[in-house]
């Protein structure tokens, strides 16, 4: 990725940059069609991505822990 201001990159480029970094160990969840505002009507599709630092099972466990944490804070 070229050095510069983040707003010069689209969401796809930023996600790809994170996934290619060996220091990134996590999961990215993003709206498939993008999100122009915080609120939406109807359904929205989301994609889940992770890199080689986590296998599918580890990514699933991480998402489970995060969902339990969110639920406990409500």
N, C-alpha and C. Protein backbone atom coordinates (compact mmCIF):
# COMPACT_ATOMS: atom_id res chain seq x y z
N UNK A 1 0.85 -1.17 0.00
CA UNK A 1 0.00 0.00 0.00
C UNK A 1 0.89 1.23 0.00
N UNK A 2 0.53 2.19 -0.78
CA UNK A 2 1.28 3.44 -0.83
C UNK A 2 1.04 4.24 0.43
N UNK A 3 2.07 4.93 0.86
CA UNK A 3 1.91 5.80 2.02
C UNK A 3 1.02 6.96 1.63
N UNK A 4 0.22 7.40 2.54
CA UNK A 4 -0.65 8.53 2.25
C UNK A 4 -1.84 8.53 3.16
N UNK A 5 -2.76 9.38 2.85
CA UNK A 5 -3.95 9.54 3.67
C UNK A 5 -4.90 8.37 3.45
N UNK A 6 -5.48 7.87 4.53
CA UNK A 6 -6.37 6.71 4.46
C UNK A 6 -7.59 6.95 3.59
N UNK A 7 -8.10 8.17 3.57
CA UNK A 7 -9.32 8.42 2.80
C UNK A 7 -9.09 8.29 1.30
N UNK A 8 -7.85 8.16 0.87
CA UNK A 8 -7.56 7.98 -0.54
C UNK A 8 -7.70 6.53 -0.98
N UNK A 9 -7.96 5.62 -0.04
CA UNK A 9 -8.08 4.20 -0.34
C UNK A 9 -9.52 3.75 -0.12
N UNK A 10 -10.00 2.87 -0.99
CA UNK A 10 -11.36 2.36 -0.77
C UNK A 10 -11.32 1.22 0.25
N UNK A 11 -12.49 0.81 0.69
CA UNK A 11 -12.61 -0.20 1.73
C UNK A 11 -11.93 -1.50 1.32
N UNK A 12 -12.11 -1.92 0.07
CA UNK A 12 -11.51 -3.16 -0.41
C UNK A 12 -9.98 -3.12 -0.28
N UNK A 13 -9.38 -2.01 -0.64
CA UNK A 13 -7.92 -1.87 -0.54
C UNK A 13 -7.45 -1.93 0.92
N UNK A 14 -8.19 -1.30 1.82
CA UNK A 14 -7.81 -1.31 3.23
C UNK A 14 -7.92 -2.71 3.82
N UNK A 15 -8.99 -3.44 3.46
CA UNK A 15 -9.16 -4.81 3.94
C UNK A 15 -8.04 -5.69 3.43
N UNK A 16 -7.73 -5.59 2.15
CA UNK A 16 -6.65 -6.40 1.57
C UNK A 16 -5.32 -6.10 2.23
N UNK A 17 -5.06 -4.84 2.54
CA UNK A 17 -3.82 -4.46 3.21
C UNK A 17 -3.73 -5.13 4.58
N UNK A 18 -4.79 -5.08 5.36
CA UNK A 18 -4.78 -5.73 6.66
C UNK A 18 -4.55 -7.23 6.55
N UNK A 19 -5.24 -7.87 5.61
CA UNK A 19 -5.13 -9.33 5.46
C UNK A 19 -3.74 -9.76 5.02
N UNK A 20 -3.00 -8.90 4.35
CA UNK A 20 -1.66 -9.26 3.90
C UNK A 20 -0.57 -9.00 4.95
N UNK A 21 -0.93 -8.33 6.02
CA UNK A 21 0.07 -8.04 7.07
C UNK A 21 0.25 -9.26 7.98
N UNK A 22 1.48 -9.65 8.17
CA UNK A 22 1.76 -10.80 9.02
C UNK A 22 1.46 -10.50 10.49
N UNK A 23 1.41 -9.23 10.85
CA UNK A 23 1.13 -8.86 12.23
C UNK A 23 -0.36 -8.85 12.55
N UNK A 24 -1.22 -8.96 11.54
CA UNK A 24 -2.67 -8.93 11.77
C UNK A 24 -3.15 -10.32 12.13
N UNK A 25 -3.78 -10.42 13.28
CA UNK A 25 -4.38 -11.68 13.71
C UNK A 25 -5.77 -11.36 14.21
N UNK A 26 -6.72 -11.51 13.34
CA UNK A 26 -8.09 -11.18 13.70
C UNK A 26 -9.04 -11.49 12.58
N UNK A 27 -10.22 -10.96 12.71
CA UNK A 27 -11.31 -11.21 11.77
C UNK A 27 -11.86 -9.86 11.34
N UNK A 28 -12.17 -9.74 10.07
CA UNK A 28 -12.78 -8.52 9.54
C UNK A 28 -14.20 -8.86 9.10
N UNK A 29 -15.15 -8.09 9.58
CA UNK A 29 -16.55 -8.23 9.17
C UNK A 29 -16.92 -6.93 8.49
N UNK A 30 -17.41 -7.04 7.25
CA UNK A 30 -17.76 -5.81 6.53
C UNK A 30 -19.01 -6.01 5.69
N UNK A 31 -19.71 -4.92 5.45
CA UNK A 31 -20.91 -4.96 4.61
C UNK A 31 -20.47 -5.25 3.17
N UNK A 32 -21.11 -6.22 2.54
CA UNK A 32 -20.74 -6.62 1.18
C UNK A 32 -20.88 -5.45 0.21
N UNK A 33 -21.96 -4.71 0.31
CA UNK A 33 -22.20 -3.60 -0.61
C UNK A 33 -21.73 -2.26 -0.05
N UNK A 34 -20.99 -2.28 1.03
CA UNK A 34 -20.56 -1.04 1.64
C UNK A 34 -21.67 -0.45 2.49
N UNK A 35 -21.35 0.57 3.23
CA UNK A 35 -22.32 1.22 4.10
C UNK A 35 -22.08 2.72 4.04
N UNK A 36 -23.02 3.42 3.51
CA UNK A 36 -22.89 4.87 3.42
C UNK A 36 -23.39 5.58 4.67
N UNK A 37 -24.21 4.87 5.45
CA UNK A 37 -24.72 5.47 6.68
C UNK A 37 -24.82 4.40 7.75
N UNK A 38 -25.00 4.83 8.95
CA UNK A 38 -25.08 3.93 10.09
C UNK A 38 -26.37 3.11 10.09
N UNK A 39 -27.44 3.69 9.58
CA UNK A 39 -28.75 3.05 9.58
C UNK A 39 -29.11 2.59 8.18
N UNK A 40 -29.88 1.51 8.11
CA UNK A 40 -30.33 1.02 6.81
C UNK A 40 -31.71 0.40 6.95
N UNK A 41 -32.40 0.31 5.82
CA UNK A 41 -33.71 -0.33 5.79
C UNK A 41 -33.55 -1.68 5.10
N UNK A 42 -34.30 -2.67 5.54
CA UNK A 42 -34.22 -3.98 4.91
C UNK A 42 -33.03 -4.78 5.41
N UNK A 43 -32.57 -5.70 4.58
CA UNK A 43 -31.46 -6.57 4.95
C UNK A 43 -30.14 -6.07 4.39
N UNK A 44 -29.07 -6.43 5.06
CA UNK A 44 -27.73 -6.12 4.57
C UNK A 44 -26.90 -7.39 4.69
N UNK A 45 -26.11 -7.66 3.68
CA UNK A 45 -25.23 -8.83 3.70
C UNK A 45 -23.85 -8.44 4.21
N UNK A 46 -23.27 -9.33 5.00
CA UNK A 46 -21.94 -9.09 5.54
C UNK A 46 -21.00 -10.22 5.13
N UNK A 47 -19.73 -9.90 5.01
CA UNK A 47 -18.71 -10.89 4.71
C UNK A 47 -17.75 -10.96 5.89
N UNK A 48 -17.22 -12.14 6.13
CA UNK A 48 -16.24 -12.35 7.20
C UNK A 48 -14.96 -12.80 6.54
N UNK A 49 -13.87 -12.14 6.87
CA UNK A 49 -12.57 -12.48 6.27
C UNK A 49 -11.53 -12.63 7.37
N UNK A 50 -10.59 -13.54 7.15
CA UNK A 50 -9.44 -13.68 8.03
C UNK A 50 -8.28 -14.14 7.17
N UNK A 51 -7.06 -13.93 7.66
CA UNK A 51 -5.90 -14.33 6.87
C UNK A 51 -5.31 -15.64 7.40
N UNK A 52 -4.16 -16.01 6.91
CA UNK A 52 -3.54 -17.29 7.25
C UNK A 52 -3.08 -17.36 8.70
N UNK A 53 -3.09 -16.24 9.42
CA UNK A 53 -2.69 -16.27 10.82
C UNK A 53 -3.71 -16.99 11.71
N UNK A 54 -4.93 -17.13 11.21
CA UNK A 54 -5.98 -17.87 11.91
C UNK A 54 -6.58 -18.88 10.94
N UNK A 55 -6.78 -20.11 11.40
CA UNK A 55 -7.52 -21.03 10.53
C UNK A 55 -9.01 -20.81 10.77
N UNK A 56 -9.84 -21.47 10.00
CA UNK A 56 -11.28 -21.24 10.07
C UNK A 56 -11.84 -21.53 11.45
N UNK A 57 -11.37 -22.59 12.08
CA UNK A 57 -11.86 -22.94 13.42
C UNK A 57 -11.48 -21.87 14.44
N UNK A 58 -10.25 -21.38 14.38
CA UNK A 58 -9.81 -20.32 15.30
C UNK A 58 -10.61 -19.04 15.09
N UNK A 59 -10.86 -18.69 13.83
CA UNK A 59 -11.66 -17.50 13.53
C UNK A 59 -13.07 -17.66 14.09
N UNK A 60 -13.64 -18.85 13.96
CA UNK A 60 -14.97 -19.11 14.51
C UNK A 60 -15.00 -18.98 16.01
N UNK A 61 -13.97 -19.50 16.69
CA UNK A 61 -13.91 -19.38 18.15
C UNK A 61 -13.77 -17.92 18.57
N UNK A 62 -12.97 -17.16 17.84
CA UNK A 62 -12.81 -15.74 18.14
C UNK A 62 -14.14 -15.02 18.01
N UNK A 63 -14.88 -15.29 16.94
CA UNK A 63 -16.20 -14.67 16.76
C UNK A 63 -17.17 -15.07 17.87
N UNK A 64 -17.09 -16.31 18.32
CA UNK A 64 -17.94 -16.77 19.42
C UNK A 64 -17.64 -16.00 20.69
N UNK A 65 -16.36 -15.83 21.02
CA UNK A 65 -15.96 -15.08 22.22
C UNK A 65 -16.44 -13.63 22.11
N UNK A 66 -16.27 -13.04 20.94
CA UNK A 66 -16.71 -11.65 20.75
C UNK A 66 -18.22 -11.54 20.91
N UNK A 67 -18.97 -12.47 20.33
CA UNK A 67 -20.44 -12.40 20.44
C UNK A 67 -20.89 -12.57 21.89
N UNK A 68 -20.23 -13.45 22.65
CA UNK A 68 -20.57 -13.61 24.06
C UNK A 68 -20.26 -12.33 24.84
N UNK A 69 -19.15 -11.70 24.52
CA UNK A 69 -18.78 -10.45 25.18
C UNK A 69 -19.81 -9.36 24.90
N UNK A 70 -20.21 -9.22 23.65
CA UNK A 70 -21.21 -8.21 23.28
C UNK A 70 -22.54 -8.48 23.99
N UNK A 71 -22.96 -9.74 24.00
CA UNK A 71 -24.21 -10.10 24.65
C UNK A 71 -24.17 -9.81 26.16
N UNK A 72 -23.02 -10.00 26.78
CA UNK A 72 -22.92 -9.78 28.23
C UNK A 72 -22.95 -8.29 28.58
N UNK A 73 -22.67 -7.43 27.64
CA UNK A 73 -22.65 -5.99 27.90
C UNK A 73 -24.00 -5.34 27.68
N UNK A 74 -24.97 -6.07 27.16
CA UNK A 74 -26.28 -5.48 26.90
C UNK A 74 -27.13 -5.43 28.14
